[in-house]
């Protein structure tokens, strides 16, 4: 996870800042989630980056 907030405008500002800085991030591997809030929990916005499995574990197939 790269960033998490409960403020949508803060999430947009973070993404704009990353793009303005010219980060060499692979944007096709970025995931933006909106976790819907309920009465007891506010809506949360999460920005994550997919990291491929390195192959060094049960899911990677290396034994």
Protein backbone atom coordinates (compact mmCIF):
# COMPACT_ATOMS: atom_id res chain seq x y z
CA UNK A 1 0.00 0.00 0.00
CA UNK A 2 1.29 3.44 -0.94
CA UNK A 3 -1.30 5.72 0.59
CA UNK A 4 -4.56 5.59 2.54
CA UNK A 5 -6.92 8.38 3.59
CA UNK A 6 -10.55 9.08 4.38
CA UNK A 7 -10.46 12.31 2.39
CA UNK A 8 -11.07 11.99 -1.37
CA UNK A 9 -9.48 15.35 -2.16
CA UNK A 10 -6.35 14.32 -0.23
CA UNK A 11 -6.10 11.17 -2.36
CA UNK A 12 -6.47 13.19 -5.57
CA UNK A 13 -3.78 15.63 -4.39
CA UNK A 14 -1.42 12.73 -3.61
CA UNK A 15 -1.87 11.24 -7.10
CA UNK A 16 -1.41 14.66 -8.74
CA UNK A 17 1.78 15.18 -6.72
CA UNK A 18 3.16 11.78 -7.80
CA UNK A 19 2.48 12.58 -11.44
CA UNK A 20 3.91 16.11 -11.17
CA UNK A 21 7.11 14.77 -9.59
CA UNK A 22 7.57 12.61 -12.66
CA UNK A 23 7.86 9.42 -10.64
CA UNK A 24 8.89 6.40 -12.66
CA UNK A 25 5.99 4.42 -11.29
CA UNK A 26 4.34 1.85 -13.54
CA UNK A 27 0.82 3.29 -13.50
CA UNK A 28 -0.58 0.09 -15.00
CA UNK A 29 0.33 -1.62 -11.71
CA UNK A 30 -1.41 0.98 -9.52
CA UNK A 31 -4.68 0.07 -7.87
CA UNK A 32 -7.09 2.65 -6.44
CA UNK A 33 -9.71 1.27 -4.09
CA UNK A 34 -12.67 2.92 -2.42
CA UNK A 35 -13.72 1.01 0.66
CA UNK A 36 -17.36 1.99 1.16
CA UNK A 37 -18.14 3.43 4.54
CA UNK A 38 -21.07 2.62 6.75
CA UNK A 39 -22.52 4.28 9.80
CA UNK A 40 -19.64 3.22 12.06
CA UNK A 41 -16.79 3.34 9.53
CA UNK A 42 -16.11 6.22 7.13
CA UNK A 43 -15.27 5.66 3.48
CA UNK A 44 -11.56 4.98 2.98
CA UNK A 45 -9.53 5.58 -0.17
CA UNK A 46 -6.48 3.39 -0.74
CA UNK A 47 -3.74 3.57 -3.35
CA UNK A 48 -1.70 0.39 -3.80
CA UNK A 49 1.03 -0.81 -6.11
CA UNK A 50 1.02 -4.38 -7.42
CA UNK A 51 4.26 -6.18 -6.64
CA UNK A 52 4.69 -9.44 -8.53
CA UNK A 53 5.59 -12.54 -6.58
CA UNK A 54 9.34 -13.05 -6.48
CA UNK A 55 8.94 -16.82 -6.74
CA UNK A 56 10.46 -17.52 -3.33
CA UNK A 57 7.60 -19.16 -1.52
CA UNK A 58 4.67 -21.52 -1.76
CA UNK A 59 2.82 -19.27 -4.20
CA UNK A 60 5.86 -18.71 -6.42
CA UNK A 61 6.41 -22.34 -7.16
CA UNK A 62 10.04 -22.43 -6.01
CA UNK A 63 10.76 -25.20 -3.53
